[in-house]
Amino acid sequence: MLDWMAWTVPTAIFFAVIAVLLVVFTVLAVRYPETPRRGVLGIETTRGDRLFITLLLSAFLNLAWLGLGIAPQPYALLACLVLAAGIFRFV
């Protein structure tokens, strides 16, 4: 089914999760508009900004995790979840 682009199931799941996140955050923005808030970075961020920052830093964290061989890769997911919780709370 995914042969035409040589995708693996984990890759398809990854992009599906990103798509679902974008839809959920769009619905949240429409139903519950928010005013930007100023966090530890000193810049005003919205829910979508924090999602973008989380996704970007998670990508860098995973690349560093792979490059440095810190531990098995599934543990990077736990680190990304902690990172996301921190970003959505403090940024």
PDB file of N, CA and C in Angstrom:
ATOM      1  N   MET A   1       0.815  -1.191   0.000  1.00  0.00           N
ATOM      2  CA  MET A   1       0.000   0.000   0.000  1.00  0.00           C
ATOM      3  C   MET A   1       0.866   1.266   0.000  1.00  0.00           C
ATOM      4  N   LEU A   2       1.940   1.275   0.773  1.00  0.00           N
ATOM      5  CA  LEU A   2       2.791   2.459   0.838  1.00  0.00           C
ATOM      6  C   LEU A   2       4.046   2.321  -0.027  1.00  0.00           C
ATOM      7  N   ASP A   3       4.069   1.313  -0.930  1.00  0.00           N
ATOM      8  CA  ASP A   3       5.265   1.029  -1.736  1.00  0.00           C
ATOM      9  C   ASP A   3       5.624   2.138  -2.708  1.00  0.00           C
ATOM     10  N   TRP A   4       4.626   2.856  -3.207  1.00  0.00           N
ATOM     11  CA  TRP A   4       4.870   3.813  -4.271  1.00  0.00           C
ATOM     12  C   TRP A   4       5.846   4.903  -3.856  1.00  0.00           C
ATOM     13  N   MET A   5       6.002   5.138  -2.558  1.00  0.00           N
ATOM     14  CA  MET A   5       6.923   6.170  -2.122  1.00  0.00           C
ATOM     15  C   MET A   5       7.960   5.615  -1.154  1.00  0.00           C
ATOM     16  N   ALA A   6       8.000   4.305  -1.054  1.00  0.00           N
ATOM     17  CA  ALA A   6       8.935   3.612  -0.169  1.00  0.00           C
ATOM     18  C   ALA A   6       8.786   4.079   1.270  1.00  0.00           C
ATOM     19  N   TRP A   7       7.560   4.351   1.688  1.00  0.00           N
ATOM     20  CA  TRP A   7       7.304   4.750   3.066  1.00  0.00           C
ATOM     21  C   TRP A   7       7.209   3.517   3.944  1.00  0.00           C
ATOM     22  N   THR A   8       7.594   3.694   5.171  1.00  0.00           N
ATOM     23  CA  THR A   8       7.382   2.640   6.149  1.00  0.00           C
ATOM     24  C   THR A   8       6.157   3.014   6.970  1.00  0.00           C
ATOM     25  N   VAL A   9       5.634   2.072   7.688  1.00  0.00           N
ATOM     26  CA  VAL A   9       4.462   2.341   8.525  1.00  0.00           C
ATOM     27  C   VAL A   9       4.774   3.423   9.574  1.00  0.00           C
ATOM     28  N   PRO A  10       5.932   3.378  10.257  1.00  0.00           N
ATOM     29  CA  PRO A  10       6.216   4.454  11.217  1.00  0.00           C
ATOM     30  C   PRO A  10       6.254   5.839  10.576  1.00  0.00           C
ATOM     31  N   THR A  11       6.737   5.938   9.342  1.00  0.00           N
ATOM     32  CA  THR A  11       6.758   7.225   8.653  1.00  0.00           C
ATOM     33  C   THR A  11       5.341   7.704   8.365  1.00  0.00           C
ATOM     34  N   ALA A  12       4.495   6.792   7.922  1.00  0.00           N
ATOM     35  CA  ALA A  12       3.098   7.143   7.654  1.00  0.00           C
ATOM     36  C   ALA A  12       2.395   7.570   8.938  1.00  0.00           C
ATOM     37  N   ILE A  13       2.659   6.878  10.034  1.00  0.00           N
ATOM     38  CA  ILE A  13       2.061   7.241  11.320  1.00  0.00           C
ATOM     39  C   ILE A  13       2.534   8.623  11.748  1.00  0.00           C
ATOM     40  N   PHE A  14       3.812   8.897  11.563  1.00  0.00           N
ATOM     41  CA  PHE A  14       4.366  10.201  11.921  1.00  0.00           C
ATOM     42  C   PHE A  14       3.629  11.330  11.202  1.00  0.00           C
ATOM     43  N   PHE A  15       3.481  11.204   9.882  1.00  0.00           N
ATOM     44  CA  PHE A  15       2.813  12.258   9.122  1.00  0.00           C
ATOM     45  C   PHE A  15       1.317  12.318   9.423  1.00  0.00           C
ATOM     46  N   ALA A  16       0.712  11.186   9.727  1.00  0.00           N
ATOM     47  CA  ALA A  16      -0.700  11.183  10.113  1.00  0.00           C
ATOM     48  C   ALA A  16      -0.896  11.918  11.440  1.00  0.00           C
ATOM     49  N   VAL A  17       0.015  11.705  12.375  1.00  0.00           N
ATOM     50  CA  VAL A  17      -0.073  12.401  13.670  1.00  0.00           C
ATOM     51  C   VAL A  17       0.089  13.902  13.473  1.00  0.00           C
ATOM     52  N   ILE A  18       1.013  14.324  12.628  1.00  0.00           N
ATOM     53  CA  ILE A  18       1.195  15.750  12.350  1.00  0.00           C
ATOM     54  C   ILE A  18      -0.087  16.325  11.739  1.00  0.00           C
ATOM     55  N   ALA A  19      -0.687  15.615  10.799  1.00  0.00           N
ATOM     56  CA  ALA A  19      -1.925  16.084  10.168  1.00  0.00           C
ATOM     57  C   ALA A  19      -3.050  16.193  11.197  1.00  0.00           C
ATOM     58  N   VAL A  20      -3.178  15.204  12.058  1.00  0.00           N
ATOM     59  CA  VAL A  20      -4.215  15.241  13.099  1.00  0.00           C
ATOM     60  C   VAL A  20      -3.970  16.402  14.050  1.00  0.00           C
ATOM     61  N   LEU A  21      -2.721  16.624  14.428  1.00  0.00           N
ATOM     62  CA  LEU A  21      -2.402  17.766  15.305  1.00  0.00           C
ATOM     63  C   LEU A  21      -2.809  19.087  14.669  1.00  0.00           C
ATOM     64  N   LEU A  22      -2.525  19.251  13.385  1.00  0.00           N
ATOM     65  CA  LEU A  22      -2.892  20.480  12.701  1.00  0.00           C
ATOM     66  C   LEU A  22      -4.407  20.676  12.662  1.00  0.00           C
ATOM     67  N   VAL A  23      -5.139  19.599  12.423  1.00  0.00           N
ATOM     68  CA  VAL A  23      -6.602  19.695  12.410  1.00  0.00           C
ATOM     69  C   VAL A  23      -7.123  20.027  13.803  1.00  0.00           C
ATOM     70  N   VAL A  24      -6.615  19.352  14.815  1.00  0.00           N
ATOM     71  CA  VAL A  24      -7.065  19.600  16.194  1.00  0.00           C
ATOM     72  C   VAL A  24      -6.768  21.037  16.607  1.00  0.00           C
ATOM     73  N   PHE A  25      -5.583  21.522  16.302  1.00  0.00           N
ATOM     74  CA  PHE A  25      -5.234  22.883  16.692  1.00  0.00           C
ATOM     75  C   PHE A  25      -6.027  23.918  15.908  1.00  0.00           C
ATOM     76  N   THR A  26      -6.399  23.605  14.677  1.00  0.00           N
ATOM     77  CA  THR A  26      -7.255  24.506  13.906  1.00  0.00           C
ATOM     78  C   THR A  26      -8.646  24.576  14.523  1.00  0.00           C
ATOM     79  N   VAL A  27      -9.186  23.431  14.880  1.00  0.00           N
ATOM     80  CA  VAL A  27     -10.506  23.404  15.521  1.00  0.00           C
ATOM     81  C   VAL A  27     -10.462  24.148  16.851  1.00  0.00           C
ATOM     82  N   LEU A  28      -9.413  23.929  17.633  1.00  0.00           N
ATOM     83  CA  LEU A  28      -9.271  24.642  18.912  1.00  0.00           C
ATOM     84  C   LEU A  28      -9.197  26.146  18.709  1.00  0.00           C
ATOM     85  N   ALA A  29      -8.479  26.570  17.677  1.00  0.00           N
ATOM     86  CA  ALA A  29      -8.342  28.006  17.418  1.00  0.00           C
ATOM     87  C   ALA A  29      -9.674  28.631  17.022  1.00  0.00           C
ATOM     88  N   VAL A  30     -10.504  27.879  16.301  1.00  0.00           N
ATOM     89  CA  VAL A  30     -11.801  28.398  15.886  1.00  0.00           C
ATOM     90  C   VAL A  30     -12.788  28.403  17.059  1.00  0.00           C
ATOM     91  N   ARG A  31     -12.819  27.322  17.801  1.00  0.00           N
ATOM     92  CA  ARG A  31     -13.786  27.207  18.906  1.00  0.00           C
ATOM     93  C   ARG A  31     -13.389  27.997  20.137  1.00  0.00           C
ATOM     94  N   TYR A  32     -12.101  28.011  20.449  1.00  0.00           N
ATOM     95  CA  TYR A  32     -11.608  28.688  21.653  1.00  0.00           C
ATOM     96  C   TYR A  32     -10.466  29.636  21.289  1.00  0.00           C
ATOM     97  N   PRO A  33     -10.797  30.789  20.721  1.00  0.00           N
ATOM     98  CA  PRO A  33      -9.724  31.733  20.360  1.00  0.00           C
ATOM     99  C   PRO A  33      -8.951  32.152  21.612  1.00  0.00           C
ATOM    100  N   GLU A  34      -7.678  32.375  21.441  1.00  0.00           N
ATOM    101  CA  GLU A  34      -6.868  32.791  22.580  1.00  0.00           C
ATOM    102  C   GLU A  34      -6.109  34.057  22.247  1.00  0.00           C
ATOM    103  N   THR A  35      -5.764  34.778  23.269  1.00  0.00           N
ATOM    104  CA  THR A  35      -4.912  35.943  23.079  1.00  0.00           C
ATOM    105  C   THR A  35      -3.469  35.493  23.267  1.00  0.00           C
ATOM    106  N   PRO A  36      -2.569  36.057  22.507  1.00  0.00           N
ATOM    107  CA  PRO A  36      -1.165  35.657  22.665  1.00  0.00           C
ATOM    108  C   PRO A  36      -0.681  35.934  24.083  1.00  0.00           C
ATOM    109  N   ARG A  37       0.228  35.097  24.556  1.00  0.00           N
ATOM    110  CA  ARG A  37       0.795  35.304  25.891  1.00  0.00           C
ATOM    111  C   ARG A  37       2.307  35.379  25.792  1.00  0.00           C
ATOM    112  N   ARG A  38       2.891  36.027  26.752  1.00  0.00           N
ATOM    113  CA  ARG A  38       4.341  36.213  26.791  1.00  0.00           C
ATOM    114  C   ARG A  38       4.924  35.244  27.814  1.00  0.00           C
ATOM    115  N   GLY A  39       5.826  34.390  27.360  1.00  0.00           N
ATOM    116  CA  GLY A  39       6.424  33.387  28.236  1.00  0.00           C
ATOM    117  C   GLY A  39       7.884  33.684  28.513  1.00  0.00           C
ATOM    118  N   VAL A  40       8.641  32.641  28.815  1.00  0.00           N
ATOM    119  CA  VAL A  40      10.043  32.804  29.187  1.00  0.00           C
ATOM    120  C   VAL A  40      10.910  33.286  28.030  1.00  0.00           C
ATOM    121  N   LEU A  41      10.461  33.097  26.800  1.00  0.00           N
ATOM    122  CA  LEU A  41      11.243  33.586  25.659  1.00  0.00           C
ATOM    123  C   LEU A  41      11.108  35.097  25.480  1.00  0.00           C
ATOM    124  N   GLY A  42      10.112  35.670  26.120  1.00  0.00           N
ATOM    125  CA  GLY A  42       9.909  37.108  26.004  1.00  0.00           C
ATOM    126  C   GLY A  42       9.197  37.533  24.737  1.00  0.00           C
ATOM    127  N   ILE A  43       8.659  36.578  24.002  1.00  0.00           N
ATOM    128  CA  ILE A  43       7.898  36.897  22.794  1.00  0.00           C
ATOM    129  C   ILE A  43       6.464  36.417  22.991  1.00  0.00           C
ATOM    130  N   GLU A  44       5.544  37.052  22.289  1.00  0.00           N
ATOM    131  CA  GLU A  44       4.158  36.620  22.368  1.00  0.00           C
ATOM    132  C   GLU A  44       3.971  35.382  21.505  1.00  0.00           C
ATOM    133  N   THR A  45       3.372  34.351  22.085  1.00  0.00           N
ATOM    134  CA  THR A  45       3.121  33.120  21.346  1.00  0.00           C
ATOM    135  C   THR A  45       1.663  32.702  21.508  1.00  0.00           C
ATOM    136  N   THR A  46       1.160  32.064  20.478  1.00  0.00           N
ATOM    137  CA  THR A  46      -0.170  31.472  20.529  1.00  0.00           C
ATOM    138  C   THR A  46      -0.003  29.958  20.615  1.00  0.00           C
ATOM    139  N   ARG A  47      -1.102  29.275  20.710  1.00  0.00           N
ATOM    140  CA  ARG A  47      -1.089  27.812  20.777  1.00  0.00           C
ATOM    141  C   ARG A  47      -0.371  27.234  19.557  1.00  0.00           C
ATOM    142  N   GLY A  48      -0.643  27.767  18.386  1.00  0.00           N
ATOM    143  CA  GLY A  48      -0.014  27.282  17.155  1.00  0.00           C
ATOM    144  C   GLY A  48       1.485  27.543  17.129  1.00  0.00           C
ATOM    145  N   ASP A  49       1.891  28.702  17.646  1.00  0.00           N
ATOM    146  CA  ASP A  49       3.324  29.002  17.724  1.00  0.00           C
ATOM    147  C   ASP A  49       4.036  27.991  18.612  1.00  0.00           C
ATOM    148  N   ARG A  50       3.407  27.677  19.740  1.00  0.00           N
ATOM    149  CA  ARG A  50       4.014  26.715  20.661  1.00  0.00           C
ATOM    150  C   ARG A  50       4.072  25.322  20.047  1.00  0.00           C
ATOM    151  N   LEU A  51       3.058  24.956  19.243  1.00  0.00           N
ATOM    152  CA  LEU A  51       3.104  23.672  18.542  1.00  0.00           C
ATOM    153  C   LEU A  51       4.265  23.652  17.555  1.00  0.00           C
ATOM    154  N   PHE A  52       4.437  24.730  16.800  1.00  0.00           N
ATOM    155  CA  PHE A  52       5.532  24.798  15.834  1.00  0.00           C
ATOM    156  C   PHE A  52       6.888  24.699  16.532  1.00  0.00           C
ATOM    157  N   ILE A  53       7.060  25.428  17.618  1.00  0.00           N
ATOM    158  CA  ILE A  53       8.319  25.375  18.379  1.00  0.00           C
ATOM    159  C   ILE A  53       8.558  23.961  18.899  1.00  0.00           C
ATOM    160  N   THR A  54       7.502  23.322  19.393  1.00  0.00           N
ATOM    161  CA  THR A  54       7.619  21.951  19.900  1.00  0.00           C
ATOM    162  C   THR A  54       8.047  20.991  18.804  1.00  0.00           C
ATOM    163  N   LEU A  55       7.411  21.071  17.636  1.00  0.00           N
ATOM    164  CA  LEU A  55       7.754  20.173  16.535  1.00  0.00           C
ATOM    165  C   LEU A  55       9.186  20.393  16.055  1.00  0.00           C
ATOM    166  N   LEU A  56       9.579  21.648  15.972  1.00  0.00           N
ATOM    167  CA  LEU A  56      10.931  21.970  15.519  1.00  0.00           C
ATOM    168  C   LEU A  56      11.990  21.454  16.501  1.00  0.00           C
ATOM    169  N   LEU A  57      11.794  21.738  17.790  1.00  0.00           N
ATOM    170  CA  LEU A  57      12.763  21.280  18.784  1.00  0.00           C
ATOM    171  C   LEU A  57      12.750  19.759  18.932  1.00  0.00           C
ATOM    172  N   SER A  58      11.596  19.142  18.743  1.00  0.00           N
ATOM    173  CA  SER A  58      11.531  17.679  18.800  1.00  0.00           C
ATOM    174  C   SER A  58      12.334  17.054  17.662  1.00  0.00           C
ATOM    175  N   ALA A  59      12.275  17.662  16.491  1.00  0.00           N
ATOM    176  CA  ALA A  59      13.071  17.155  15.367  1.00  0.00           C
ATOM    177  C   ALA A  59      14.558  17.250  15.678  1.00  0.00           C
ATOM    178  N   PHE A  60      14.992  18.392  16.201  1.00  0.00           N
ATOM    179  CA  PHE A  60      16.406  18.552  16.553  1.00  0.00           C
ATOM    180  C   PHE A  60      16.817  17.597  17.668  1.00  0.00           C
ATOM    181  N   LEU A  61      15.940  17.413  18.650  1.00  0.00           N
ATOM    182  CA  LEU A  61      16.248  16.498  19.742  1.00  0.00           C
ATOM    183  C   LEU A  61      16.415  15.072  19.213  1.00  0.00           C
ATOM    184  N   ASN A  62      15.531  14.657  18.311  1.00  0.00           N
ATOM    185  CA  ASN A  62      15.630  13.307  17.755  1.00  0.00           C
ATOM    186  C   ASN A  62      16.889  13.128  16.915  1.00  0.00           C
ATOM    187  N   LEU A  63      17.249  14.154  16.156  1.00  0.00           N
ATOM    188  CA  LEU A  63      18.487  14.062  15.370  1.00  0.00           C
ATOM    189  C   LEU A  63      19.710  13.975  16.277  1.00  0.00           C
ATOM    190  N   ALA A  64      19.740  14.762  17.323  1.00  0.00           N
ATOM    191  CA  ALA A  64      20.849  14.699  18.279  1.00  0.00           C
ATOM    192  C   ALA A  64      20.871  13.340  18.977  1.00  0.00           C
ATOM    193  N   TRP A  65      19.695  12.835  19.310  1.00  0.00           N
ATOM    194  CA  TRP A  65      19.590  11.535  19.972  1.00  0.00           C
ATOM    195  C   TRP A  65      20.183  10.440  19.090  1.00  0.00           C
ATOM    196  N   LEU A  66      19.845  10.489  17.802  1.00  0.00           N
ATOM    197  CA  LEU A  66      20.382   9.505  16.858  1.00  0.00           C
ATOM    198  C   LEU A  66      21.891   9.668  16.690  1.00  0.00           C
ATOM    199  N   GLY A  67      22.320  10.912  16.532  1.00  0.00           N
ATOM    200  CA  GLY A  67      23.735  11.174  16.276  1.00  0.00           C
ATOM    201  C   GLY A  67      24.630  10.825  17.446  1.00  0.00           C
ATOM    202  N   LEU A  68      24.159  11.086  18.653  1.00  0.00           N
ATOM    203  CA  LEU A  68      24.977  10.833  19.839  1.00  0.00           C
ATOM    204  C   LEU A  68      24.785   9.431  20.396  1.00  0.00           C
ATOM    205  N   GLY A  69      23.759   8.738  19.938  1.00  0.00           N
ATOM    206  CA  GLY A  69      23.516   7.371  20.406  1.00  0.00           C
ATOM    207  C   GLY A  69      23.296   7.318  21.904  1.00  0.00           C
ATOM    208  N   ILE A  70      22.521   8.249  22.436  1.00  0.00           N
ATOM    209  CA  ILE A  70      22.320   8.374  23.881  1.00  0.00           C
ATOM    210  C   ILE A  70      21.676   7.127  24.474  1.00  0.00           C
ATOM    211  N   ALA A  71      20.597   6.675  23.886  1.00  0.00           N
ATOM    212  CA  ALA A  71      19.844   5.510  24.357  1.00  0.00           C
ATOM    213  C   ALA A  71      18.981   5.044  23.191  1.00  0.00           C
ATOM    214  N   PRO A  72      18.248   3.950  23.368  1.00  0.00           N
ATOM    215  CA  PRO A  72      17.352   3.533  22.284  1.00  0.00           C
ATOM    216  C   PRO A  72      16.389   4.659  21.895  1.00  0.00           C
ATOM    217  N   GLN A  73      16.080   4.732  20.619  1.00  0.00           N
ATOM    218  CA  GLN A  73      15.297   5.845  20.073  1.00  0.00           C
ATOM    219  C   GLN A  73      13.915   6.027  20.705  1.00  0.00           C
ATOM    220  N   PRO A  74      13.213   4.969  21.115  1.00  0.00           N
ATOM    221  CA  PRO A  74      11.902   5.212  21.737  1.00  0.00           C
ATOM    222  C   PRO A  74      11.972   6.099  22.982  1.00  0.00           C
ATOM    223  N   TYR A  75      13.100   6.125  23.644  1.00  0.00           N
ATOM    224  CA  TYR A  75      13.242   7.002  24.818  1.00  0.00           C
ATOM    225  C   TYR A  75      13.248   8.474  24.409  1.00  0.00           C
ATOM    226  N   ALA A  76      13.613   8.743  23.174  1.00  0.00           N
ATOM    227  CA  ALA A  76      13.569  10.119  22.677  1.00  0.00           C
ATOM    228  C   ALA A  76      12.137  10.625  22.652  1.00  0.00           C
ATOM    229  N   LEU A  77      11.170   9.734  22.413  1.00  0.00           N
ATOM    230  CA  LEU A  77       9.764  10.126  22.444  1.00  0.00           C
ATOM    231  C   LEU A  77       9.388  10.637  23.826  1.00  0.00           C
ATOM    232  N   LEU A  78       9.854   9.973  24.858  1.00  0.00           N
ATOM    233  CA  LEU A  78       9.582  10.436  26.220  1.00  0.00           C
ATOM    234  C   LEU A  78      10.203  11.808  26.453  1.00  0.00           C
ATOM    235  N   ALA A  79      11.413  12.001  25.973  1.00  0.00           N
ATOM    236  CA  ALA A  79      12.072  13.301  26.110  1.00  0.00           C
ATOM    237  C   ALA A  79      11.294  14.382  25.359  1.00  0.00           C
ATOM    238  N   CYS A  80      10.761  14.035  24.185  1.00  0.00           N
ATOM    239  CA  CYS A  80       9.975  14.995  23.398  1.00  0.00           C
ATOM    240  C   CYS A  80       8.667  15.344  24.103  1.00  0.00           C
ATOM    241  N   LEU A  81       8.054  14.381  24.755  1.00  0.00           N
ATOM    242  CA  LEU A  81       6.818  14.656  25.496  1.00  0.00           C
ATOM    243  C   LEU A  81       7.076  15.592  26.669  1.00  0.00           C
ATOM    244  N   VAL A  82       8.191  15.392  27.357  1.00  0.00           N
ATOM    245  CA  VAL A  82       8.565  16.296  28.455  1.00  0.00           C
ATOM    246  C   VAL A  82       8.853  17.687  27.898  1.00  0.00           C
ATOM    247  N   LEU A  83       9.561  17.732  26.772  1.00  0.00           N
ATOM    248  CA  LEU A  83       9.851  19.010  26.110  1.00  0.00           C
ATOM    249  C   LEU A  83       8.560  19.713  25.724  1.00  0.00           C
ATOM    250  N   ALA A  84       7.614  18.982  25.155  1.00  0.00           N
ATOM    251  CA  ALA A  84       6.330  19.582  24.741  1.00  0.00           C
ATOM    252  C   ALA A  84       5.567  20.120  25.940  1.00  0.00           C
ATOM    253  N   ALA A  85       5.546  19.360  27.023  1.00  0.00           N
ATOM    254  CA  ALA A  85       4.852  19.822  28.234  1.00  0.00           C
ATOM    255  C   ALA A  85       5.482  21.114  28.746  1.00  0.00           C
ATOM    256  N   GLY A  86       6.797  21.179  28.739  1.00  0.00           N
ATOM    257  CA  GLY A  86       7.487  22.384  29.188  1.00  0.00           C
ATOM    258  C   GLY A  86       7.213  23.582  28.289  1.00  0.00           C
ATOM    259  N   ILE A  87       7.211  23.348  26.988  1.00  0.00           N
ATOM    260  CA  ILE A  87       6.982  24.438  26.048  1.00  0.00           C
ATOM    261  C   ILE A  87       5.565  24.963  26.180  1.00  0.00           C
ATOM    262  N   PHE A  88       4.584  24.072  26.250  1.00  0.00           N
ATOM    263  CA  PHE A  88       3.199  24.532  26.344  1.00  0.00           C
ATOM    264  C   PHE A  88       2.904  25.168  27.689  1.00  0.00           C
ATOM    265  N   ARG A  89       3.684  24.860  28.696  1.00  0.00           N
ATOM    266  CA  ARG A  89       3.465  25.447  30.014  1.00  0.00           C
ATOM    267  C   ARG A  89       4.178  26.795  30.181  1.00  0.00           C
ATOM    268  N   PHE A  90       5.419  26.887  29.710  1.00  0.00           N
ATOM    269  CA  PHE A  90       6.247  28.046  30.040  1.00  0.00           C
ATOM    270  C   PHE A  90       6.538  29.009  28.895  1.00  0.00           C
ATOM    271  N   VAL A  91       6.308  28.606  27.653  1.00  0.00           N
ATOM    272  CA  VAL A  91       6.653  29.485  26.522  1.00  0.00           C
ATOM    273  C   VAL A  91       5.440  30.263  26.077  1.00  0.00           C
TER     274      VAL A  91
END
